C-alpha atoms as a PDB file:
ATOM      1  CA  MET A   1     126.377  75.356 110.371  1.00  0.00           C
ATOM      2  CA  LYS A   2     129.643  73.516 109.926  1.00  0.00           C
ATOM      3  CA  LEU A   3     127.850  70.233 109.233  1.00  0.00           C
ATOM      4  CA  TYR A   4     125.935  71.686 106.264  1.00  0.00           C
ATOM      5  CA  GLY A   5     128.540  74.229 105.126  1.00  0.00           C
ATOM      6  CA  ILE A   6     126.343  77.223 105.955  1.00  0.00           C
ATOM      7  CA  THR A   7     128.126  80.586 106.080  1.00  0.00           C
ATOM      8  CA  LEU A   8     127.175  83.863 107.737  1.00  0.00           C
ATOM      9  CA  ASP A   9     126.711  85.320 104.249  1.00  0.00           C
ATOM     10  CA  ASP A  10     124.108  82.613 103.503  1.00  0.00           C
ATOM     11  CA  ILE A  11     122.208  83.541 106.675  1.00  0.00           C
ATOM     12  CA  SER A  12     122.394  87.274 105.968  1.00  0.00           C
ATOM     13  CA  ALA A  13     121.190  86.783 102.397  1.00  0.00           C
ATOM     14  CA  SER A  14     118.284  84.642 103.609  1.00  0.00           C
ATOM     15  CA  ILE A  15     117.149  87.250 106.114  1.00  0.00           C
ATOM     16  CA  LEU A  16     117.643  90.288 103.868  1.00  0.00           C
ATOM     17  CA  ALA A  17     116.212  88.801 100.644  1.00  0.00           C
ATOM     18  CA  PRO A  18     114.141  85.671 101.385  1.00  0.00           C
ATOM     19  CA  ASP A  19     112.115  83.804  98.785  1.00  0.00           C
ATOM     20  CA  THR A  20     109.342  83.517 101.359  1.00  0.00           C
ATOM     21  CA  THR A  21     108.762  84.406 105.013  1.00  0.00           C
ATOM     22  CA  GLN A  22     106.467  83.083 107.701  1.00  0.00           C
ATOM     23  CA  SER A  23     105.856  83.935 111.324  1.00  0.00           C
ATOM     24  CA  GLU A  24     105.539  81.456 114.155  1.00  0.00           C
ATOM     25  CA  GLY A  25     104.493  83.472 117.177  1.00  0.00           C
ATOM     26  CA  SER A  26     107.271  85.956 117.901  1.00  0.00           C
ATOM     27  CA  LYS A  27     109.706  84.080 115.646  1.00  0.00           C
ATOM     28  CA  LEU A  28     110.207  84.759 111.951  1.00  0.00           C
ATOM     29  CA  VAL A  29     111.110  82.092 109.398  1.00  0.00           C
ATOM     30  CA  ALA A  30     112.968  82.990 106.205  1.00  0.00           C
ATOM     31  CA  LEU A  31     113.312  80.480 103.369  1.00  0.00           C
ATOM     32  CA  ARG A  32     115.667  80.953 100.450  1.00  0.00           C
ATOM     33  CA  LYS A  33     116.991  78.712  97.684  1.00  0.00           C
ATOM     34  CA  PHE A  34     120.630  79.004  96.726  1.00  0.00           C
ATOM     35  CA  ARG A  35     121.817  77.940  93.321  1.00  0.00           C
ATOM     36  CA  ASN A  36     124.267  75.007  93.545  1.00  0.00           C
ATOM     37  CA  LYS A  37     124.167  74.845  97.362  1.00  0.00           C
ATOM     38  CA  PHE A  38     122.564  72.485  99.853  1.00  0.00           C
ATOM     39  CA  SER A  39     121.730  69.886  97.166  1.00  0.00           C
ATOM     40  CA  GLY A  40     118.919  72.061  95.826  1.00  0.00           C
ATOM     41  CA  TYR A  41     117.126  72.291  99.167  1.00  0.00           C
ATOM     42  CA  PRO A  42     116.057  75.709 100.497  1.00  0.00           C
ATOM     43  CA  LEU A  43     117.767  77.138 103.569  1.00  0.00           C
ATOM     44  CA  LYS A  44     115.505  77.748 106.571  1.00  0.00           C
ATOM     45  CA  VAL A  45     116.482  80.481 109.047  1.00  0.00           C
ATOM     46  CA  VAL A  46     114.448  80.914 112.242  1.00  0.00           C
ATOM     47  CA  TYR A  47     115.137  84.202 114.019  1.00  0.00           C
ATOM     48  CA  GLU A  48     113.746  86.965 116.225  1.00  0.00           C
ATOM     49  CA  GLU A  49     114.143  90.695 115.640  1.00  0.00           C
ATOM     50  CA  SER A  50     114.377  93.278 118.383  1.00  0.00           C
ATOM     51  CA  ALA A  51     114.943  97.021 118.183  1.00  0.00           C
ATOM     52  CA  GLU A  52     118.711  96.688 117.884  1.00  0.00           C
ATOM     53  CA  ASP A  53     119.535  92.998 117.320  1.00  0.00           C
ATOM     54  CA  VAL A  54     118.641  89.919 115.308  1.00  0.00           C
ATOM     55  CA  LEU A  55     118.802  86.653 117.261  1.00  0.00           C
ATOM     56  CA  ILE A  56     119.361  83.582 115.066  1.00  0.00           C
ATOM     57  CA  ILE A  57     117.648  80.591 116.647  1.00  0.00           C
ATOM     58  CA  THR A  58     118.339  77.853 114.111  1.00  0.00           C
ATOM     59  CA  VAL A  59     119.536  77.399 110.540  1.00  0.00           C
ATOM     60  CA  CYS A  60     119.263  74.274 108.389  1.00  0.00           C
ATOM     61  CA  PRO A  61     118.488  73.122 104.850  1.00  0.00           C
ATOM     62  CA  LEU A  62     114.947  71.784 104.514  1.00  0.00           C
ATOM     63  CA  LYS A  63     114.497  68.124 103.700  1.00  0.00           C
ATOM     64  CA  LYS A  64     111.977  68.922 100.963  1.00  0.00           C
ATOM     65  CA  LYS A  65     112.744  70.787  97.754  1.00  0.00           C
ATOM     66  CA  VAL A  66     109.311  72.373  97.640  1.00  0.00           C
ATOM     67  CA  TRP A  67     107.701  74.234 100.525  1.00  0.00           C
ATOM     68  CA  ARG A  68     104.210  75.605 101.000  1.00  0.00           C
END
């Protein structure tokens, strides 16, 4: 997170209001573009939800500006 300047607010915003979501088995993937952040690349958050917690697995800006 420090390398890319990702904050907890960025992660929360991506999970709560994603531009798009996908599922990969039991994992969920949230993608969200931020204006003037991450050089125009969308932020990818991979996480798992349980009854009481959200486990963040990985967070990084995508290398492509457009995703499927």
